[in-house]
Amino acid sequence: EGNPADRKDRPNALWYMTGTDADTLPTDMV
């Protein structure tokens, strides 16, 4: 957002998990 000389990024993120039991897959990490 903003004019080309002063644009602001819009905050975002990326998460991950690993595990051993397929019955406990996460439905939300955040």
PDB file of all heavy atoms in Angstrom:
ATOM      1  N   GLU A   1       0.814  -1.207   0.000  1.00  0.00           N
ATOM      2  CA  GLU A   1       0.000   0.000   0.000  1.00  0.00           C
ATOM      3  C   GLU A   1       0.851   1.262   0.000  1.00  0.00           C
ATOM      4  O   GLU A   1       2.008   1.252   0.419  1.00  0.00           O
ATOM      5  CB  GLU A   1      -0.937  -0.004   1.198  1.00  0.00           C
ATOM      6  CG  GLU A   1      -1.948  -1.141   1.146  1.00  0.00           C
ATOM      7  CD  GLU A   1      -3.017  -0.969   2.192  1.00  0.00           C
ATOM      8  OE1 GLU A   1      -2.733  -0.410   3.258  1.00  0.00           O
ATOM      9  OE2 GLU A   1      -4.158  -1.389   1.937  1.00  0.00           O
ATOM     10  N   GLY A   2       0.243   2.337  -0.452  1.00  0.00           N
ATOM     11  CA  GLY A   2       0.901   3.640  -0.465  1.00  0.00           C
ATOM     12  C   GLY A   2       1.412   3.985  -1.842  1.00  0.00           C
ATOM     13  O   GLY A   2       1.330   3.206  -2.788  1.00  0.00           O
ATOM     14  N   ASN A   3       1.932   5.200  -1.974  1.00  0.00           N
ATOM     15  CA  ASN A   3       2.461   5.618  -3.267  1.00  0.00           C
ATOM     16  C   ASN A   3       3.798   4.925  -3.515  1.00  0.00           C
ATOM     17  O   ASN A   3       4.442   4.423  -2.592  1.00  0.00           O
ATOM     18  CB  ASN A   3       2.603   7.143  -3.311  1.00  0.00           C
ATOM     19  CG  ASN A   3       3.572   7.654  -2.243  1.00  0.00           C
ATOM     20  OD1 ASN A   3       4.743   7.314  -2.257  1.00  0.00           O
ATOM     21  ND2 ASN A   3       3.076   8.476  -1.327  1.00  0.00           N
ATOM     22  N   PRO A   4       4.233   4.873  -4.778  1.00  0.00           N
ATOM     23  CA  PRO A   4       5.448   4.107  -5.101  1.00  0.00           C
ATOM     24  C   PRO A   4       6.677   4.531  -4.321  1.00  0.00           C
ATOM     25  O   PRO A   4       7.569   3.712  -4.082  1.00  0.00           O
ATOM     26  CB  PRO A   4       5.616   4.371  -6.600  1.00  0.00           C
ATOM     27  CG  PRO A   4       4.247   4.687  -7.093  1.00  0.00           C
ATOM     28  CD  PRO A   4       3.567   5.407  -5.960  1.00  0.00           C
ATOM     29  N   ALA A   5       6.755   5.787  -3.895  1.00  0.00           N
ATOM     30  CA  ALA A   5       7.945   6.239  -3.171  1.00  0.00           C
ATOM     31  C   ALA A   5       7.930   5.849  -1.701  1.00  0.00           C
ATOM     32  O   ALA A   5       8.957   5.898  -1.033  1.00  0.00           O
ATOM     33  CB  ALA A   5       8.072   7.753  -3.301  1.00  0.00           C
ATOM     34  N   ASP A   6       6.767   5.459  -1.195  1.00  0.00           N
ATOM     35  CA  ASP A   6       6.658   5.160   0.234  1.00  0.00           C
ATOM     36  C   ASP A   6       5.678   4.013   0.453  1.00  0.00           C
ATOM     37  O   ASP A   6       4.709   4.137   1.195  1.00  0.00           O
ATOM     38  CB  ASP A   6       6.205   6.405   1.002  1.00  0.00           C
ATOM     39  CG  ASP A   6       6.230   6.179   2.518  1.00  0.00           C
ATOM     40  OD1 ASP A   6       7.055   5.354   2.959  1.00  0.00           O
ATOM     41  OD2 ASP A   6       5.430   6.817   3.224  1.00  0.00           O
ATOM     42  N   ARG A   7       5.929   2.898  -0.204  1.00  0.00           N
ATOM     43  CA  ARG A   7       5.017   1.767  -0.068  1.00  0.00           C
ATOM     44  C   ARG A   7       5.281   1.019   1.232  1.00  0.00           C
ATOM     45  O   ARG A   7       6.418   0.903   1.678  1.00  0.00           O
ATOM     46  CB  ARG A   7       5.164   0.821  -1.256  1.00  0.00           C
ATOM     47  CG  ARG A   7       4.443   1.324  -2.498  1.00  0.00           C
ATOM     48  CD  ARG A   7       4.426   0.253  -3.562  1.00  0.00           C
ATOM     49  NE  ARG A   7       3.482   0.582  -4.617  1.00  0.00           N
ATOM     50  CZ  ARG A   7       3.300  -0.155  -5.698  1.00  0.00           C
ATOM     51  NH1 ARG A   7       3.991  -1.261  -5.863  1.00  0.00           N
ATOM     52  NH2 ARG A   7       2.422   0.204  -6.607  1.00  0.00           N
ATOM     53  N   LYS A   8       4.216   0.483   1.789  1.00  0.00           N
ATOM     54  CA  LYS A   8       4.312  -0.295   3.011  1.00  0.00           C
ATOM     55  C   LYS A   8       3.895  -1.734   2.725  1.00  0.00           C
ATOM     56  O   LYS A   8       2.877  -1.981   2.099  1.00  0.00           O
ATOM     57  CB  LYS A   8       3.403   0.292   4.089  1.00  0.00           C
ATOM     58  CG  LYS A   8       3.783   1.700   4.524  1.00  0.00           C
ATOM     59  CD  LYS A   8       2.810   2.225   5.555  1.00  0.00           C
ATOM     60  CE  LYS A   8       3.183   3.626   6.005  1.00  0.00           C
ATOM     61  NZ  LYS A   8       2.220   4.167   6.986  1.00  0.00           N
ATOM     62  N   ASP A   9       4.730  -2.641   3.198  1.00  0.00           N
ATOM     63  CA  ASP A   9       4.342  -4.039   3.101  1.00  0.00           C
ATOM     64  C   ASP A   9       3.200  -4.317   4.066  1.00  0.00           C
ATOM     65  O   ASP A   9       3.068  -3.662   5.105  1.00  0.00           O
ATOM     66  CB  ASP A   9       5.532  -4.946   3.431  1.00  0.00           C
ATOM     67  CG  ASP A   9       6.613  -4.896   2.378  1.00  0.00           C
ATOM     68  OD1 ASP A   9       6.276  -4.682   1.208  1.00  0.00           O
ATOM     69  OD2 ASP A   9       7.792  -5.070   2.732  1.00  0.00           O
ATOM     70  N   ARG A  10       2.400  -5.311   3.721  1.00  0.00           N
ATOM     71  CA  ARG A  10       1.320  -5.730   4.615  1.00  0.00           C
ATOM     72  C   ARG A  10       1.754  -7.000   5.333  1.00  0.00           C
ATOM     73  O   ARG A  10       2.124  -7.995   4.699  1.00  0.00           O
ATOM     74  CB  ARG A  10       0.025  -5.925   3.823  1.00  0.00           C
ATOM     75  CG  ARG A  10      -0.462  -4.607   3.217  1.00  0.00           C
ATOM     76  CD  ARG A  10      -1.752  -4.770   2.464  1.00  0.00           C
ATOM     77  NE  ARG A  10      -2.816  -5.297   3.311  1.00  0.00           N
ATOM     78  CZ  ARG A  10      -4.060  -5.527   2.877  1.00  0.00           C
ATOM     79  NH1 ARG A  10      -4.373  -5.272   1.617  1.00  0.00           N
ATOM     80  NH2 ARG A  10      -4.976  -6.004   3.693  1.00  0.00           N
ATOM     81  N   PRO A  11       1.740  -7.003   6.662  1.00  0.00           N
ATOM     82  CA  PRO A  11       2.356  -8.082   7.433  1.00  0.00           C
ATOM     83  C   PRO A  11       1.754  -9.456   7.153  1.00  0.00           C
ATOM     84  O   PRO A  11       0.531  -9.616   7.058  1.00  0.00           O
ATOM     85  CB  PRO A  11       2.106  -7.662   8.884  1.00  0.00           C
ATOM     86  CG  PRO A  11       1.954  -6.176   8.824  1.00  0.00           C
ATOM     87  CD  PRO A  11       1.267  -5.908   7.518  1.00  0.00           C
ATOM     88  N   ASN A  12       2.630 -10.437   7.054  1.00  0.00           N
ATOM     89  CA  ASN A  12       2.225 -11.834   6.885  1.00  0.00           C
ATOM     90  C   ASN A  12       3.337 -12.722   7.395  1.00  0.00           C
ATOM     91  O   ASN A  12       4.456 -12.261   7.672  1.00  0.00           O
ATOM     92  CB  ASN A  12       1.893 -12.129   5.424  1.00  0.00           C
ATOM     93  CG  ASN A  12       3.064 -11.871   4.494  1.00  0.00           C
ATOM     94  OD1 ASN A  12       3.921 -12.736   4.300  1.00  0.00           O
ATOM     95  ND2 ASN A  12       3.131 -10.665   3.911  1.00  0.00           N
ATOM     96  N   ALA A  13       3.040 -13.999   7.534  1.00  0.00           N
ATOM     97  CA  ALA A  13       4.016 -14.951   8.087  1.00  0.00           C
ATOM     98  C   ALA A  13       3.741 -16.338   7.517  1.00  0.00           C
ATOM     99  O   ALA A  13       2.680 -16.599   6.928  1.00  0.00           O
ATOM    100  CB  ALA A  13       3.947 -14.969   9.613  1.00  0.00           C
ATOM    101  N   LEU A  14       4.704 -17.236   7.723  1.00  0.00           N
ATOM    102  CA  LEU A  14       4.576 -18.619   7.270  1.00  0.00           C
ATOM    103  C   LEU A  14       5.104 -19.530   8.371  1.00  0.00           C
ATOM    104  O   LEU A  14       6.188 -19.301   8.910  1.00  0.00           O
ATOM    105  CB  LEU A  14       5.366 -18.830   5.971  1.00  0.00           C
ATOM    106  CG  LEU A  14       5.195 -20.168   5.258  1.00  0.00           C
ATOM    107  CD1 LEU A  14       3.740 -20.377   4.837  1.00  0.00           C
ATOM    108  CD2 LEU A  14       6.110 -20.241   4.034  1.00  0.00           C
ATOM    109  N   TRP A  15       4.315 -20.574   8.701  1.00  0.00           N
ATOM    110  CA  TRP A  15       4.603 -21.471   9.819  1.00  0.00           C
ATOM    111  C   TRP A  15       4.693 -22.913   9.339  1.00  0.00           C
ATOM    112  O   TRP A  15       4.177 -23.265   8.281  1.00  0.00           O
ATOM    113  CB  TRP A  15       3.496 -21.368  10.873  1.00  0.00           C
ATOM    114  CG  TRP A  15       3.280 -19.987  11.396  1.00  0.00           C
ATOM    115  CD1 TRP A  15       2.539 -18.990  10.801  1.00  0.00           C
ATOM    116  CD2 TRP A  15       3.811 -19.435  12.593  1.00  0.00           C
ATOM    117  NE1 TRP A  15       2.580 -17.848  11.560  1.00  0.00           N
ATOM    118  CE2 TRP A  15       3.347 -18.091  12.672  1.00  0.00           C
ATOM    119  CE3 TRP A  15       4.611 -19.926  13.615  1.00  0.00           C
ATOM    120  CZ2 TRP A  15       3.669 -17.263  13.733  1.00  0.00           C
ATOM    121  CZ3 TRP A  15       4.938 -19.094  14.670  1.00  0.00           C
ATOM    122  CH2 TRP A  15       4.466 -17.782  14.722  1.00  0.00           C
ATOM    123  N   TYR A  16       5.324 -23.749  10.187  1.00  0.00           N
ATOM    124  CA  TYR A  16       5.359 -25.173   9.869  1.00  0.00           C
ATOM    125  C   TYR A  16       5.442 -26.002  11.145  1.00  0.00           C
ATOM    126  O   TYR A  16       5.798 -25.506  12.223  1.00  0.00           O
ATOM    127  CB  TYR A  16       6.539 -25.505   8.951  1.00  0.00           C
ATOM    128  CG  TYR A  16       7.852 -25.725   9.670  1.00  0.00           C
ATOM    129  CD1 TYR A  16       8.358 -27.009   9.871  1.00  0.00           C
ATOM    130  CD2 TYR A  16       8.606 -24.642  10.146  1.00  0.00           C
ATOM    131  CE1 TYR A  16       9.562 -27.210  10.524  1.00  0.00           C
ATOM    132  CE2 TYR A  16       9.818 -24.841  10.784  1.00  0.00           C
ATOM    133  CZ  TYR A  16      10.289 -26.122  10.974  1.00  0.00           C
ATOM    134  OH  TYR A  16      11.477 -26.322  11.624  1.00  0.00           O
ATOM    135  N   MET A  17       5.116 -27.296  10.996  1.00  0.00           N
ATOM    136  CA  MET A  17       5.262 -28.290  12.065  1.00  0.00           C
ATOM    137  C   MET A  17       5.622 -29.623  11.435  1.00  0.00           C
ATOM    138  O   MET A  17       5.281 -29.897  10.279  1.00  0.00           O
ATOM    139  CB  MET A  17       3.954 -28.461  12.863  1.00  0.00           C
ATOM    140  CG  MET A  17       3.588 -27.319  13.775  1.00  0.00           C
ATOM    141  SD  MET A  17       2.035 -27.655  14.685  1.00  0.00           S
ATOM    142  CE  MET A  17       2.559 -29.034  15.733  1.00  0.00           C
ATOM    143  N   THR A  18       6.305 -30.466  12.210  1.00  0.00           N
ATOM    144  CA  THR A  18       6.537 -31.855  11.819  1.00  0.00           C
ATOM    145  C   THR A  18       6.085 -32.749  12.968  1.00  0.00           C
ATOM    146  O   THR A  18       5.955 -32.298  14.112  1.00  0.00           O
ATOM    147  CB  THR A  18       8.015 -32.132  11.498  1.00  0.00           C
ATOM    148  OG1 THR A  18       8.795 -31.920  12.684  1.00  0.00           O
ATOM    149  CG2 THR A  18       8.521 -31.218  10.389  1.00  0.00           C
ATOM    150  N   GLY A  19       5.849 -34.010  12.682  1.00  0.00           N
ATOM    151  CA  GLY A  19       5.410 -34.926  13.730  1.00  0.00           C
ATOM    152  C   GLY A  19       5.527 -36.366  13.301  1.00  0.00           C
ATOM    153  O   GLY A  19       5.938 -36.682  12.179  1.00  0.00           O
ATOM    154  N   THR A  20       5.120 -37.250  14.214  1.00  0.00           N
ATOM    155  CA  THR A  20       5.265 -38.689  13.993  1.00  0.00           C
ATOM    156  C   THR A  20       3.945 -39.422  13.915  1.00  0.00           C
ATOM    157  O   THR A  20       3.890 -40.526  13.400  1.00  0.00           O
ATOM    158  CB  THR A  20       6.107 -39.325  15.115  1.00  0.00           C
ATOM    159  OG1 THR A  20       5.468 -39.071  16.377  1.00  0.00           O
ATOM    160  CG2 THR A  20       7.506 -38.732  15.137  1.00  0.00           C
ATOM    161  N   ASP A  21       2.870 -38.849  14.424  1.00  0.00           N
ATOM    162  CA  ASP A  21       1.584 -39.534  14.487  1.00  0.00           C
ATOM    163  C   ASP A  21       0.606 -38.831  13.551  1.00  0.00           C
ATOM    164  O   ASP A  21       0.214 -37.686  13.780  1.00  0.00           O
ATOM    165  CB  ASP A  21       1.047 -39.517  15.924  1.00  0.00           C
ATOM    166  CG  ASP A  21      -0.230 -40.339  16.057  1.00  0.00           C
ATOM    167  OD1 ASP A  21      -0.742 -40.837  15.024  1.00  0.00           O
ATOM    168  OD2 ASP A  21      -0.721 -40.478  17.192  1.00  0.00           O
ATOM    169  N   ALA A  22       0.201 -39.512  12.470  1.00  0.00           N
ATOM    170  CA  ALA A  22      -0.693 -38.901  11.485  1.00  0.00           C
ATOM    171  C   ALA A  22      -2.066 -38.594  12.069  1.00  0.00           C
ATOM    172  O   ALA A  22      -2.820 -37.808  11.492  1.00  0.00           O
ATOM    173  CB  ALA A  22      -0.838 -39.817  10.269  1.00  0.00           C
ATOM    174  N   ASP A  23      -2.407 -39.190  13.197  1.00  0.00           N
ATOM    175  CA  ASP A  23      -3.709 -38.914  13.828  1.00  0.00           C
ATOM    176  C   ASP A  23      -3.717 -37.573  14.543  1.00  0.00           C
ATOM    177  O   ASP A  23      -4.775 -37.113  14.982  1.00  0.00           O
ATOM    178  CB  ASP A  23      -4.072 -40.024  14.816  1.00  0.00           C
ATOM    179  CG  ASP A  23      -4.308 -41.355  14.115  1.00  0.00           C
ATOM    180  OD1 ASP A  23      -4.695 -41.332  12.924  1.00  0.00           O
ATOM    181  OD2 ASP A  23      -4.092 -42.397  14.758  1.00  0.00           O
ATOM    182  N   THR A  24      -2.564 -36.939  14.687  1.00  0.00           N
ATOM    183  CA  THR A  24      -2.501 -35.678  15.421  1.00  0.00           C
ATOM    184  C   THR A  24      -2.087 -34.511  14.520  1.00  0.00           C
ATOM    185  O   THR A  24      -1.441 -33.572  14.972  1.00  0.00           O
ATOM    186  CB  THR A  24      -1.504 -35.795  16.591  1.00  0.00           C
ATOM    187  OG1 THR A  24      -0.191 -36.091  16.070  1.00  0.00           O
ATOM    188  CG2 THR A  24      -1.925 -36.886  17.555  1.00  0.00           C
ATOM    189  N   LEU A  25      -2.444 -34.564  13.242  1.00  0.00           N
ATOM    190  CA  LEU A  25      -2.126 -33.462  12.344  1.00  0.00           C
ATOM    191  C   LEU A  25      -2.786 -32.186  12.853  1.00  0.00           C
ATOM    192  O   LEU A  25      -3.947 -32.187  13.263  1.00  0.00           O
ATOM    193  CB  LEU A  25      -2.614 -33.773  10.925  1.00  0.00           C
ATOM    194  CG  LEU A  25      -1.912 -34.911  10.187  1.00  0.00           C
ATOM    195  CD1 LEU A  25      -2.597 -35.161   8.847  1.00  0.00           C
ATOM    196  CD2 LEU A  25      -0.445 -34.581   9.969  1.00  0.00           C
ATOM    197  N   PRO A  26      -2.075 -31.065  12.799  1.00  0.00           N
ATOM    198  CA  PRO A  26      -2.643 -29.820  13.336  1.00  0.00           C
ATOM    199  C   PRO A  26      -3.724 -29.262  12.409  1.00  0.00           C
ATOM    200  O   PRO A  26      -3.639 -29.388  11.181  1.00  0.00           O
ATOM    201  CB  PRO A  26      -1.437 -28.884  13.378  1.00  0.00           C
ATOM    202  CG  PRO A  26      -0.531 -29.391  12.303  1.00  0.00           C
ATOM    203  CD  PRO A  26      -0.701 -30.879  12.300  1.00  0.00           C
ATOM    204  N   THR A  27      -4.736 -28.643  12.994  1.00  0.00           N
ATOM    205  CA  THR A  27      -5.736 -27.917  12.220  1.00  0.00           C
ATOM    206  C   THR A  27      -5.455 -26.423  12.224  1.00  0.00           C
ATOM    207  O   THR A  27      -6.043 -25.682  11.443  1.00  0.00           O
ATOM    208  CB  THR A  27      -7.141 -28.164  12.794  1.00  0.00           C
ATOM    209  OG1 THR A  27      -7.157 -27.756  14.165  1.00  0.00           O
ATOM    210  CG2 THR A  27      -7.508 -29.633  12.684  1.00  0.00           C
ATOM    211  N   ASP A  28      -4.547 -25.982  13.094  1.00  0.00           N
ATOM    212  CA  ASP A  28      -4.178 -24.577  13.164  1.00  0.00           C
ATOM    213  C   ASP A  28      -2.872 -24.478  13.946  1.00  0.00           C
ATOM    214  O   ASP A  28      -2.751 -25.036  15.034  1.00  0.00           O
ATOM    215  CB  ASP A  28      -5.280 -23.781  13.873  1.00  0.00           C
ATOM    216  CG  ASP A  28      -5.069 -22.281  13.778  1.00  0.00           C
ATOM    217  OD1 ASP A  28      -4.058 -21.873  13.179  1.00  0.00           O
ATOM    218  OD2 ASP A  28      -5.897 -21.529  14.303  1.00  0.00           O
ATOM    219  N   MET A  29      -1.889 -23.780  13.389  1.00  0.00           N
ATOM    220  CA  MET A  29      -0.624 -23.594  14.093  1.00  0.00           C
ATOM    221  C   MET A  29      -0.532 -22.228  14.761  1.00  0.00           C
ATOM    222  O   MET A  29       0.355 -21.984  15.559  1.00  0.00           O
ATOM    223  CB  MET A  29       0.540 -23.732  13.106  1.00  0.00           C
ATOM    224  CG  MET A  29       0.633 -25.067  12.424  1.00  0.00           C
ATOM    225  SD  MET A  29       2.089 -25.074  11.349  1.00  0.00           S
ATOM    226  CE  MET A  29       1.486 -26.061   9.997  1.00  0.00           C
ATOM    227  N   VAL A  30      -1.439 -21.315  14.408  1.00  0.00           N
ATOM    228  CA  VAL A  30      -1.352 -19.938  14.881  1.00  0.00           C
ATOM    229  C   VAL A  30      -2.443 -19.619  15.895  1.00  0.00           C
ATOM    230  O   VAL A  30      -2.290 -18.746  16.746  1.00  0.00           O
ATOM    231  CB  VAL A  30      -1.432 -18.971  13.678  1.00  0.00           C
ATOM    232  CG1 VAL A  30      -1.223 -17.531  14.117  1.00  0.00           C
ATOM    233  CG2 VAL A  30      -0.413 -19.355  12.620  1.00  0.00           C
TER     234      VAL A  30
END
